[in-house]
N, C-alpha and C. Protein backbone atom coordinates (compact mmCIF):
# COMPACT_ATOMS: atom_id res chain seq x y z
N MET A 1 0.85 -1.22 0.18
CA MET A 1 0.05 -0.19 0.12
C MET A 1 0.75 1.22 0.03
N SER A 2 0.85 2.58 -0.98
CA SER A 2 1.22 3.53 -0.40
C SER A 2 0.70 4.48 -0.13
N PRO A 3 1.85 5.15 0.34
CA PRO A 3 1.34 6.16 1.47
C PRO A 3 0.23 7.05 1.38
N GLU A 4 -0.44 7.22 -0.19
CA GLU A 4 -1.30 8.19 -0.54
C GLU A 4 -2.65 7.27 -0.50
N GLU A 5 -2.47 5.58 -0.61
CA GLU A 5 -3.23 4.73 -0.36
C GLU A 5 -3.91 4.33 0.96
N PHE A 6 -3.02 4.91 1.82
CA PHE A 6 -3.16 4.81 3.33
C PHE A 6 -3.87 6.12 3.91
N ILE A 7 -3.26 6.70 3.14
CA ILE A 7 -4.30 8.08 3.72
C ILE A 7 -5.38 8.40 3.55
N GLU A 8 -5.67 7.88 2.27
CA GLU A 8 -6.84 8.07 1.85
C GLU A 8 -7.82 6.60 2.36
N LYS A 9 -7.34 5.74 2.57
CA LYS A 9 -8.33 4.59 3.39
C LYS A 9 -8.28 4.84 5.12
N ALA A 10 -7.36 5.52 5.32
CA ALA A 10 -7.42 5.63 7.01
C ALA A 10 -8.38 7.06 7.37
N THR A 11 -8.07 8.24 6.34
CA THR A 11 -9.38 9.12 6.35
C THR A 11 -10.20 8.61 6.13
N THR A 12 -11.02 7.94 5.80
CA THR A 12 -12.23 7.44 5.17
C THR A 12 -12.91 6.85 6.88
N ALA A 13 -11.74 6.14 7.14
CA ALA A 13 -11.84 5.32 8.59
C ALA A 13 -12.17 6.11 10.00
N ALA A 14 -11.29 6.99 9.97
CA ALA A 14 -11.10 7.82 10.47
C ALA A 14 -12.77 8.95 10.93
N ARG A 15 -13.16 9.38 9.47
CA ARG A 15 -14.14 10.36 9.24
C ARG A 15 -15.90 9.22 9.84
N GLU A 16 -15.42 7.87 9.44
CA GLU A 16 -16.70 7.31 9.76
C GLU A 16 -16.59 7.05 11.22
N ALA A 17 -15.81 7.33 12.04
CA ALA A 17 -15.48 6.96 13.53
C ALA A 17 -16.22 8.57 14.16
N ARG A 18 -15.33 9.37 13.46
CA ARG A 18 -16.00 10.75 13.74
C ARG A 18 -17.41 11.43 13.93
N ASP A 19 -17.78 10.78 12.60
CA ASP A 19 -19.11 10.90 11.98
C ASP A 19 -20.10 10.16 13.88
N LYS A 20 -19.83 8.92 13.72
CA LYS A 20 -20.46 8.34 15.05
C LYS A 20 -20.15 8.75 16.01
N GLY A 21 -19.28 10.23 17.11
CA GLY A 21 -19.36 10.37 17.44
C GLY A 21 -17.74 10.64 18.15
N ALA A 22 -17.00 9.88 17.64
CA ALA A 22 -15.73 9.84 18.12
C ALA A 22 -15.39 11.20 18.11
N PRO A 23 -14.67 11.81 19.33
CA PRO A 23 -13.92 12.85 19.34
C PRO A 23 -12.72 13.20 19.08
N ILE A 24 -12.47 13.12 17.45
CA ILE A 24 -11.12 12.95 17.41
C ILE A 24 -10.82 14.11 16.10
N SER A 25 -9.84 14.67 16.07
CA SER A 25 -9.30 15.45 14.92
C SER A 25 -8.60 14.73 13.79
N VAL A 26 -9.60 14.41 12.63
CA VAL A 26 -9.67 13.63 11.64
C VAL A 26 -7.95 13.86 11.08
N PRO A 27 -7.42 15.22 10.87
CA PRO A 27 -6.18 15.26 10.33
C PRO A 27 -5.13 14.58 11.38
N ILE A 28 -5.27 14.81 12.60
CA ILE A 28 -4.09 14.75 13.37
C ILE A 28 -4.70 13.17 13.74
N ALA A 29 -5.19 12.31 13.73
CA ALA A 29 -5.42 10.79 13.87
C ALA A 29 -4.63 10.45 12.73
N VAL A 30 -5.22 11.11 11.73
CA VAL A 30 -4.70 10.03 10.49
C VAL A 30 -3.18 9.92 10.48
N ALA A 31 -2.51 11.32 10.69
CA ALA A 31 -1.11 11.81 10.72
C ALA A 31 -0.24 10.98 11.74
N GLN A 32 -0.94 10.68 12.83
CA GLN A 32 -0.52 9.93 14.07
C GLN A 32 -0.43 8.48 13.42
N ALA A 33 -1.54 7.82 12.80
CA ALA A 33 -1.72 6.33 12.51
C ALA A 33 -0.37 6.38 11.05
N ALA A 34 -0.27 7.58 10.43
CA ALA A 34 0.83 7.09 9.35
C ALA A 34 2.12 7.16 9.73
N LEU A 35 2.27 7.42 11.35
CA LEU A 35 3.54 8.02 11.74
C LEU A 35 3.89 6.32 12.77
N GLU A 36 2.75 6.23 13.30
CA GLU A 36 2.92 4.69 14.21
C GLU A 36 3.24 4.05 13.20
N SER A 37 2.21 3.70 12.54
CA SER A 37 2.52 2.18 11.37
C SER A 37 3.07 2.27 10.82
N GLY A 38 3.86 3.36 10.38
CA GLY A 38 4.54 3.28 8.97
C GLY A 38 3.97 3.37 7.53
N PHE A 39 2.63 4.09 7.66
CA PHE A 39 1.66 3.85 6.55
C PHE A 39 0.87 2.35 6.49
N GLY A 40 1.09 2.30 7.03
CA GLY A 40 0.06 0.72 7.34
C GLY A 40 1.18 -0.56 7.27
N ARG A 41 2.24 0.01 7.24
CA ARG A 41 3.60 -1.39 6.72
C ARG A 41 3.79 -2.33 8.20
N SER A 42 3.65 -1.80 9.54
CA SER A 42 4.30 -1.87 11.07
C SER A 42 3.66 -3.46 10.81
N GLN A 43 3.91 -4.23 11.32
CA GLN A 43 3.36 -5.58 11.92
C GLN A 43 2.09 -5.37 13.15
N LEU A 44 1.89 -4.91 13.90
CA LEU A 44 1.18 -4.61 14.63
C LEU A 44 0.05 -3.89 13.19
N ALA A 45 -0.05 -2.51 12.50
CA ALA A 45 -1.09 -2.36 11.77
C ALA A 45 -1.77 -3.71 10.87
N ARG A 46 -0.63 -4.98 10.28
CA ARG A 46 -0.99 -5.73 9.45
C ARG A 46 -1.78 -6.54 10.12
N GLU A 47 -1.07 -7.04 11.51
CA GLU A 47 -1.78 -8.26 12.00
C GLU A 47 -2.66 -7.65 13.02
N ALA A 48 -3.17 -6.45 13.25
CA ALA A 48 -3.55 -6.13 14.72
C ALA A 48 -4.90 -5.25 14.23
N ASN A 49 -4.81 -4.07 13.14
CA ASN A 49 -4.74 -3.30 12.28
C ASN A 49 -5.11 -2.16 13.69
N ASN A 50 -4.30 -1.88 14.58
CA ASN A 50 -3.79 -0.83 15.13
C ASN A 50 -2.51 0.22 14.90
N LEU A 51 -3.53 1.17 13.96
CA LEU A 51 -2.85 1.63 13.64
C LEU A 51 -1.72 3.21 14.36
N GLY A 52 -1.95 3.40 15.86
CA GLY A 52 -1.57 3.98 16.38
C GLY A 52 -1.18 3.79 17.24
N GLY A 53 -0.84 2.02 17.84
CA GLY A 53 0.33 2.32 18.99
C GLY A 53 -0.40 2.11 20.23
N VAL A 54 -1.76 1.65 20.20
CA VAL A 54 -2.17 1.84 21.39
C VAL A 54 -2.82 0.38 22.41
N LYS A 55 -1.90 0.63 23.57
CA LYS A 55 -1.83 -0.31 24.11
C LYS A 55 -2.61 -1.39 25.39
N ALA A 56 -3.14 -2.48 25.15
CA ALA A 56 -3.96 -2.60 25.69
C ALA A 56 -3.47 -2.97 27.49
N GLY A 57 -4.15 -1.74 28.26
CA GLY A 57 -3.70 -1.95 29.64
C GLY A 57 -4.81 -2.84 30.34
N SER A 58 -4.80 -2.74 31.53
CA SER A 58 -5.33 -3.51 32.84
C SER A 58 -6.80 -3.82 32.11
N SER A 59 -7.23 -2.53 31.79
CA SER A 59 -9.25 -2.50 31.81
C SER A 59 -9.35 -3.15 30.37
N TRP A 60 -8.51 -3.09 29.37
CA TRP A 60 -8.53 -3.74 28.08
C TRP A 60 -9.24 -5.17 27.87
N THR A 61 -10.32 -5.45 27.83
CA THR A 61 -10.92 -7.00 27.72
C THR A 61 -11.34 -7.55 25.99
N GLY A 62 -10.37 -6.99 25.42
CA GLY A 62 -10.52 -7.41 24.18
C GLY A 62 -9.24 -7.99 23.59
N PRO A 63 -9.29 -8.76 22.11
CA PRO A 63 -8.15 -8.95 22.02
C PRO A 63 -6.72 -8.29 21.88
N VAL A 64 -5.47 -8.69 22.26
CA VAL A 64 -4.68 -8.18 22.18
C VAL A 64 -3.52 -9.42 21.32
N ILE A 65 -1.84 -8.34 21.18
CA ILE A 65 -1.53 -8.94 20.72
C ILE A 65 0.01 -8.48 21.30
N GLU A 66 1.34 -9.34 21.32
CA GLU A 66 2.68 -8.84 21.92
C GLU A 66 3.17 -8.93 20.97
N LEU A 67 4.01 -7.83 21.29
CA LEU A 67 5.11 -7.54 20.29
C LEU A 67 6.43 -6.31 20.67
N PRO A 68 7.39 -6.40 20.12
CA PRO A 68 8.56 -5.24 21.09
C PRO A 68 8.49 -4.06 20.54
N THR A 69 8.96 -3.32 21.45
CA THR A 69 8.72 -1.61 20.88
C THR A 69 10.18 -1.46 21.75
N ARG A 70 10.16 0.18 21.16
CA ARG A 70 11.20 1.26 21.88
C ARG A 70 10.69 1.91 22.56
N GLU A 71 10.89 2.63 23.73
CA GLU A 71 10.09 3.82 24.48
C GLU A 71 11.35 4.61 25.53
N TYR A 72 10.44 5.74 25.08
CA TYR A 72 12.05 6.89 25.81
C TYR A 72 11.87 6.94 27.38
N ARG A 73 13.24 7.14 27.94
CA ARG A 73 12.72 6.95 29.03
C ARG A 73 13.41 8.72 29.25
N ALA A 74 12.48 9.48 29.70
CA ALA A 74 12.31 10.67 29.76
C ALA A 74 13.73 11.45 31.45
N GLU A 75 13.78 10.08 31.97
CA GLU A 75 14.73 10.72 33.72
C GLU A 75 16.27 10.75 33.11
N ASP A 76 16.21 9.59 32.19
CA ASP A 76 17.56 9.99 31.43
C ASP A 76 18.11 9.98 30.03
N GLY A 77 17.01 10.51 29.43
CA GLY A 77 16.96 10.42 28.16
C GLY A 77 17.91 9.44 26.96
N THR A 78 17.36 8.60 27.20
CA THR A 78 17.66 7.30 26.42
C THR A 78 16.34 6.30 26.05
N TRP A 79 17.14 5.55 25.62
CA TRP A 79 15.42 4.34 24.56
C TRP A 79 16.16 3.35 25.02
N TYR A 80 14.87 2.22 25.38
CA TYR A 80 15.05 1.11 25.51
C TYR A 80 14.37 0.02 25.02
N SER A 81 14.45 -0.96 24.92
CA SER A 81 13.51 -2.07 24.32
C SER A 81 12.85 -3.05 25.41
N THR A 82 11.46 -3.25 25.09
CA THR A 82 10.85 -3.88 26.03
C THR A 82 9.67 -4.69 25.06
N VAL A 83 9.20 -5.42 25.57
CA VAL A 83 7.40 -5.95 24.93
C VAL A 83 6.66 -5.78 25.69
N ALA A 84 5.44 -5.20 24.45
CA ALA A 84 4.08 -4.72 25.05
C ALA A 84 3.25 -5.67 24.99
N ARG A 85 1.84 -5.02 25.26
CA ARG A 85 0.75 -5.85 25.24
C ARG A 85 -0.44 -4.85 24.48
N TRP A 86 -0.87 -4.81 23.12
CA TRP A 86 -1.12 -4.07 22.28
C TRP A 86 -2.64 -4.55 22.06
N ARG A 87 -3.91 -3.58 21.75
CA ARG A 87 -5.00 -3.97 21.13
C ARG A 87 -4.90 -3.76 20.14
N ARG A 88 -5.93 -5.24 19.70
CA ARG A 88 -6.06 -6.26 18.44
C ARG A 88 -8.03 -5.47 18.11
N TYR A 89 -7.93 -4.99 16.76
CA TYR A 89 -8.91 -4.45 16.30
C TYR A 89 -9.51 -5.12 14.93
N PRO A 90 -10.64 -5.16 14.62
CA PRO A 90 -11.33 -6.21 13.61
C PRO A 90 -11.12 -5.05 12.38
N ASP A 91 -10.85 -3.59 12.59
CA ASP A 91 -10.70 -3.40 11.30
C ASP A 91 -10.49 -1.67 11.47
N TRP A 92 -9.92 -0.92 10.38
CA TRP A 92 -9.45 0.44 11.00
C TRP A 92 -10.19 1.30 11.77
N ALA A 93 -12.05 1.41 10.80
CA ALA A 93 -12.57 2.39 11.38
C ALA A 93 -13.07 1.65 13.23
N SER A 94 -12.79 0.64 13.33
CA SER A 94 -13.00 0.04 14.96
C SER A 94 -11.77 1.40 15.67
N TYR A 95 -10.84 0.95 14.99
CA TYR A 95 -9.10 1.52 16.09
C TYR A 95 -9.53 2.71 16.07
N PHE A 96 -10.12 3.33 15.23
CA PHE A 96 -10.51 5.04 15.50
C PHE A 96 -11.31 5.45 16.55
N SER A 97 -12.03 4.46 16.15
CA SER A 97 -13.21 4.72 17.58
C SER A 97 -12.77 4.73 18.64
N ASP A 98 -11.91 3.40 19.04
CA ASP A 98 -11.18 3.22 20.15
C ASP A 98 -10.78 4.16 20.40
N TYR A 99 -9.56 4.62 19.85
CA TYR A 99 -8.89 5.84 19.82
C TYR A 99 -9.77 7.26 20.04
N GLY A 100 -11.06 7.41 19.54
CA GLY A 100 -11.90 8.43 20.09
C GLY A 100 -12.10 8.30 21.68
N ASP A 101 -12.65 6.89 22.10
CA ASP A 101 -12.69 7.03 23.23
C ASP A 101 -11.88 7.32 23.98
N LEU A 102 -10.45 6.44 23.88
CA LEU A 102 -9.43 6.61 24.38
C LEU A 102 -9.20 8.73 24.89
N ILE A 103 -9.18 9.05 23.54
CA ILE A 103 -8.98 10.73 23.43
C ILE A 103 -10.11 11.32 24.53
N GLN A 104 -11.37 10.71 24.86
CA GLN A 104 -12.53 11.40 25.67
C GLN A 104 -11.80 11.27 26.63
N ARG A 105 -11.38 9.91 27.68
CA ARG A 105 -11.17 9.55 28.70
C ARG A 105 -9.72 9.82 29.44
N VAL A 106 -8.80 9.97 28.27
CA VAL A 106 -7.41 10.25 28.76
C VAL A 106 -7.30 11.84 28.70
N TYR A 107 -7.18 12.11 27.84
CA TYR A 107 -6.74 13.42 27.05
C TYR A 107 -8.26 14.38 26.47
N PRO A 108 -9.39 14.62 27.74
CA PRO A 108 -10.22 15.26 27.53
C PRO A 108 -9.61 16.85 26.92
N GLN A 109 -8.63 17.07 27.30
CA GLN A 109 -8.34 18.85 26.73
C GLN A 109 -8.09 18.91 25.32
N SER A 110 -7.78 17.59 24.45
CA SER A 110 -7.89 17.57 23.41
C SER A 110 -9.26 17.29 22.65
N ALA A 111 -10.21 16.33 23.25
CA ALA A 111 -11.17 16.76 22.87
C ALA A 111 -12.29 17.79 22.74
N ALA A 112 -11.75 18.65 23.80
CA ALA A 112 -12.46 19.72 23.62
C ALA A 112 -12.24 20.51 22.70
N VAL A 113 -10.92 20.43 22.21
CA VAL A 113 -10.55 21.74 20.77
C VAL A 113 -10.18 20.27 19.69
N LYS A 114 -11.24 19.63 19.47
CA LYS A 114 -11.18 18.38 18.09
C LYS A 114 -10.75 19.17 17.03
N ASP A 115 -11.59 20.56 16.87
CA ASP A 115 -11.95 21.09 15.47
C ASP A 115 -10.62 21.80 15.22
N ASP A 116 -9.42 22.19 16.31
CA ASP A 116 -8.59 22.67 16.32
C ASP A 116 -7.30 21.44 16.09
N PRO A 117 -6.67 21.39 14.93
CA PRO A 117 -5.64 20.28 14.68
C PRO A 117 -4.80 20.47 15.48
N ARG A 118 -3.75 21.92 15.52
CA ARG A 118 -3.26 22.21 16.00
C ARG A 118 -3.31 21.92 17.11
N ALA A 119 -4.19 22.44 17.75
CA ALA A 119 -4.74 22.20 19.75
C ALA A 119 -4.82 20.98 19.65
N PHE A 120 -5.42 20.12 19.47
CA PHE A 120 -5.79 19.09 19.59
C PHE A 120 -4.25 17.93 19.64
N LEU A 121 -3.14 18.11 19.12
CA LEU A 121 -2.69 17.60 18.79
C LEU A 121 -1.44 18.03 20.18
N GLU A 122 -1.49 19.44 20.27
CA GLU A 122 -0.27 19.47 21.40
C GLU A 122 -1.05 19.26 22.82
N GLY A 123 -2.63 19.29 22.70
CA GLY A 123 -2.91 18.86 24.15
C GLY A 123 -2.86 17.28 24.22
N LEU A 124 -2.53 16.40 23.57
CA LEU A 124 -1.89 15.06 23.41
C LEU A 124 -0.25 14.82 24.23
N VAL A 125 -0.06 16.06 23.99
CA VAL A 125 1.20 15.74 24.84
C VAL A 125 1.22 16.85 25.98
N SER A 126 0.36 17.88 26.40
CA SER A 126 0.40 18.68 27.20
C SER A 126 -0.08 18.21 28.48
N GLY A 127 -0.07 17.35 29.21
CA GLY A 127 -0.96 16.39 30.67
C GLY A 127 0.28 15.66 30.81
N HIS A 128 -0.03 15.05 32.46
CA HIS A 128 1.10 14.30 32.64
C HIS A 128 0.86 13.01 32.02
N LEU A 129 -0.04 12.53 31.31
CA LEU A 129 0.06 11.31 30.73
C LEU A 129 -0.18 11.52 29.19
N LYS A 130 0.90 11.55 28.45
CA LYS A 130 1.62 12.03 27.07
C LYS A 130 1.55 10.87 26.53
N TYR A 131 0.82 10.97 25.45
CA TYR A 131 0.45 10.13 24.47
C TYR A 131 1.72 9.10 23.79
N ALA A 132 2.88 9.84 23.74
CA ALA A 132 3.77 9.20 23.26
C ALA A 132 5.11 9.77 23.89
N THR A 133 6.01 8.64 23.81
CA THR A 133 7.38 9.21 24.86
C THR A 133 8.04 10.04 24.39
N ASP A 134 7.92 10.12 22.81
CA ASP A 134 9.19 10.77 21.86
C ASP A 134 8.66 12.61 22.16
N PRO A 135 10.29 12.93 22.33
CA PRO A 135 10.36 14.40 22.67
C PRO A 135 9.85 14.96 21.83
N ARG A 136 9.77 14.13 20.41
CA ARG A 136 9.90 14.89 18.81
C ARG A 136 8.11 15.01 18.47
N TYR A 137 7.21 14.13 18.93
CA TYR A 137 6.25 13.55 18.76
C TYR A 137 5.47 14.52 17.80
N VAL A 138 5.16 15.79 18.98
CA VAL A 138 4.00 16.56 17.71
C VAL A 138 4.80 17.15 16.16
N GLU A 139 6.02 17.68 16.62
CA GLU A 139 6.67 18.03 15.48
C GLU A 139 6.64 17.45 14.42
N LYS A 140 6.72 15.63 14.46
CA LYS A 140 6.88 14.75 13.85
C LYS A 140 5.73 14.60 12.80
N VAL A 141 4.36 14.46 13.99
CA VAL A 141 2.93 14.42 13.49
C VAL A 141 2.44 15.54 12.50
N TRP A 142 3.33 17.19 12.91
CA TRP A 142 2.37 17.73 12.34
C TRP A 142 3.30 17.98 11.08
N THR A 143 4.41 18.08 10.47
CA THR A 143 5.23 17.34 9.31
C THR A 143 3.83 16.87 9.09
N LEU A 144 3.44 15.65 8.95
CA LEU A 144 2.68 14.85 7.99
C LEU A 144 1.71 15.52 7.75
N VAL A 145 0.79 16.03 8.35
CA VAL A 145 -0.03 16.72 7.86
C VAL A 145 0.05 17.85 6.88
N GLU A 146 0.96 18.63 6.91
CA GLU A 146 1.35 19.73 5.98
C GLU A 146 2.16 18.80 4.89
N GLN A 147 2.98 17.59 4.91
CA GLN A 147 3.51 16.88 3.47
C GLN A 147 2.33 16.68 2.85
N HIS A 148 1.15 15.87 3.52
CA HIS A 148 0.29 15.07 2.80
C HIS A 148 -0.94 16.11 3.07
N ASP A 149 -1.00 16.96 3.64
CA ASP A 149 -2.24 18.50 3.00
C ASP A 149 -3.10 17.56 3.79
N LEU A 150 -2.91 17.62 5.00
CA LEU A 150 -4.39 16.69 5.74
C LEU A 150 -5.33 17.39 6.43
N LEU A 151 -4.98 18.77 6.53
CA LEU A 151 -5.86 19.84 6.70
C LEU A 151 -7.16 19.56 5.79
N GLU A 152 -8.39 19.08 6.39
CA GLU A 152 -9.69 18.93 5.55
C GLU A 152 -10.20 20.14 5.32
N PRO A 153 -11.32 20.09 4.33
CA PRO A 153 -11.92 21.30 4.03
C PRO A 153 -13.02 21.80 4.75
N GLU A 154 -13.46 20.72 5.85
CA GLU A 154 -14.57 21.15 7.06
C GLU A 154 -13.89 22.24 7.42
N TYR A 155 -12.50 22.12 8.07
CA TYR A 155 -12.27 23.35 8.55
C TYR A 155 -12.05 24.23 8.17
N GLU A 156 -12.02 24.74 6.65
CA GLU A 156 -11.70 25.69 6.36
C GLU A 156 -13.24 26.34 5.81
N ASN A 157 -13.28 27.80 5.35
CA ASN A 157 -14.22 29.09 5.91
C ASN A 157 -15.10 28.72 4.14
N PRO A 158 -15.44 28.09 3.57
CA PRO A 158 -15.95 28.13 2.09
C PRO A 158 -16.54 28.95 1.63
N LEU A 159 -16.93 29.76 2.53
CA LEU A 159 -17.46 30.94 1.50
C LEU A 159 -16.04 32.39 1.54
N LEU A 160 -14.78 32.09 1.83
CA LEU A 160 -13.87 33.45 1.89
C LEU A 160 -13.26 32.79 0.48
N PRO A 161 -13.46 33.25 -0.83
CA PRO A 161 -12.30 32.80 -0.90
C PRO A 161 -11.29 33.95 -1.81
N VAL A 162 -10.09 33.37 -1.30
CA VAL A 162 -8.94 34.82 -0.77
C VAL A 162 -7.98 34.20 -2.05
N THR A 163 -7.77 35.57 -2.73
CA THR A 163 -6.76 35.33 -4.03
C THR A 163 -5.85 36.17 -3.91
N SER A 164 -5.75 37.50 -2.80
CA SER A 164 -4.64 37.90 -2.51
C SER A 164 -4.35 38.39 -1.39
N LEU A 165 -3.30 38.56 -0.44
CA LEU A 165 -3.41 38.96 0.95
C LEU A 165 -2.58 40.41 0.85
N HIS A 166 -3.39 41.34 1.95
CA HIS A 166 -3.00 42.25 2.43
C HIS A 166 -1.83 42.47 3.60
N LEU A 167 -1.17 42.86 4.11
CA LEU A 167 -0.40 43.20 4.94
C LEU A 167 0.22 44.54 5.50
N VAL A 168 -0.60 44.91 6.54
CA VAL A 168 -0.18 46.60 6.60
C VAL A 168 0.76 46.39 7.89
N GLN A 169 2.29 47.02 7.30
CA GLN A 169 3.32 47.05 8.10
C GLN A 169 3.05 48.00 9.21
N THR A 170 4.07 47.90 10.78
CA THR A 170 3.61 48.92 11.68
C THR A 170 3.68 50.39 11.10
N ASP A 171 4.75 50.83 10.21
CA ASP A 171 4.76 52.15 9.55
C ASP A 171 3.39 52.52 8.40
N GLY A 172 2.44 51.60 8.29
CA GLY A 172 1.03 51.78 7.83
C GLY A 172 1.47 51.35 6.04
N THR A 173 2.58 51.24 5.50
CA THR A 173 2.82 50.29 4.15
C THR A 173 1.68 49.38 4.36
N ILE A 174 1.32 49.00 3.09
CA ILE A 174 0.53 47.55 2.53
C ILE A 174 1.66 46.89 1.44
N ILE A 175 1.66 45.81 2.09
CA ILE A 175 2.32 45.20 0.98
C ILE A 175 1.05 43.82 0.83
N GLN A 176 0.91 43.68 -0.67
CA GLN A 176 -0.09 42.48 -1.60
C GLN A 176 1.04 41.59 -2.00
N TYR A 177 0.27 40.43 -1.72
CA TYR A 177 0.99 39.33 -2.07
C TYR A 177 -0.15 38.48 -3.19
N ALA A 178 0.08 38.21 -3.87
CA ALA A 178 -0.89 37.13 -4.80
C ALA A 178 -0.22 35.92 -4.02
N LEU A 179 -1.84 34.84 -4.13
CA LEU A 179 -1.58 33.42 -3.85
C LEU A 179 -1.70 32.44 -4.48
N ASP A 180 -0.89 31.77 -4.57
CA ASP A 180 -0.59 30.29 -5.42
C ASP A 180 -2.17 29.81 -5.38
N ARG A 181 -2.52 29.64 -7.20
CA ARG A 181 -3.83 29.47 -7.00
C ARG A 181 -4.21 27.86 -7.05
N GLU A 182 -3.19 27.07 -7.37
CA GLU A 182 -3.19 25.59 -7.32
C GLU A 182 -3.26 24.93 -6.14
N ARG A 183 -3.04 25.77 -5.10
CA ARG A 183 -3.15 25.37 -3.44
C ARG A 183 -3.66 26.82 -2.83
N PRO A 184 -5.50 27.08 -3.21
CA PRO A 184 -5.46 27.98 -2.26
C PRO A 184 -5.07 28.68 -1.11
N ALA A 185 -5.54 29.91 -0.52
CA ALA A 185 -5.86 29.89 0.87
C ALA A 185 -6.71 29.09 1.95
N ARG A 186 -6.38 28.90 2.89
CA ARG A 186 -7.71 28.43 3.47
C ARG A 186 -8.21 29.15 4.85
N ILE A 187 -9.50 29.37 5.68
CA ILE A 187 -9.30 29.52 6.55
C ILE A 187 -9.27 28.22 7.59
N VAL A 188 -8.86 28.32 8.80
CA VAL A 188 -8.56 26.76 9.81
C VAL A 188 -9.16 27.68 11.06
N ASN A 189 -9.81 27.81 11.72
CA ASN A 189 -10.23 28.13 13.48
C ASN A 189 -9.54 29.43 13.59
N GLY A 190 -9.49 30.33 12.38
CA GLY A 190 -9.43 31.67 12.19
C GLY A 190 -8.34 32.08 12.09
N LYS A 191 -7.04 31.22 11.47
CA LYS A 191 -6.09 31.38 11.00
C LYS A 191 -5.55 30.70 9.35
N LEU A 192 -5.50 31.81 9.26
CA LEU A 192 -4.96 31.79 7.80
C LEU A 192 -3.90 31.12 7.15
N TYR A 193 -4.10 30.42 6.20
CA TYR A 193 -2.89 29.22 5.73
C TYR A 193 -2.99 29.81 3.97
N ALA A 194 -1.59 30.16 3.77
CA ALA A 194 -1.43 30.56 2.57
C ALA A 194 -0.56 30.13 1.87
N ASN A 195 -0.13 30.26 0.58
CA ASN A 195 0.74 29.85 -0.34
C ASN A 195 1.48 31.15 -0.73
N LEU A 196 2.37 31.30 -0.64
CA LEU A 196 2.79 32.63 -1.84
C LEU A 196 3.29 32.73 -2.41
N ARG A 197 3.42 33.02 -4.02
CA ARG A 197 3.56 32.43 -5.16
C ARG A 197 4.77 33.39 -5.12
């Protein structure tokens, strides 16, 4: 499966879960899944449909798979290997639905801002329980969002076609920029994302 095929399939499954009430940011959930599963190529994704590395804690009563993993120890800044128990899912939509339950239960700060992809992502690592141990996790996930243009149309303001951008400098002069017509500007949660020519 190519990265593009993975993105398409994961986006469909994440939207299905979101539309059924999962409090998730689809762009972030898909980027996390791509990162965690190597675009669906990891053993965990192939054998357990677990795209995000969700572990099976003591409260999990569903099926599990045991596989090795690397964890980061913040106390001394080292990586170590261990075997972990992971949740097993029947399909990708079930994974994203369970991911939504996890977000609601453990990361309510992210669930509260599910319509703001960047804030959702930062909420996953802002509390005492962090979604991932990698200190560069936010940077890695956001890079995938940008590289694969995952910010969705529903986060845009469709009533605001933007063809140019005017910036007023502190001295009062105005600078006009023409915007790239191939990748139009988007308004996402009140912020303008534009590709300048």
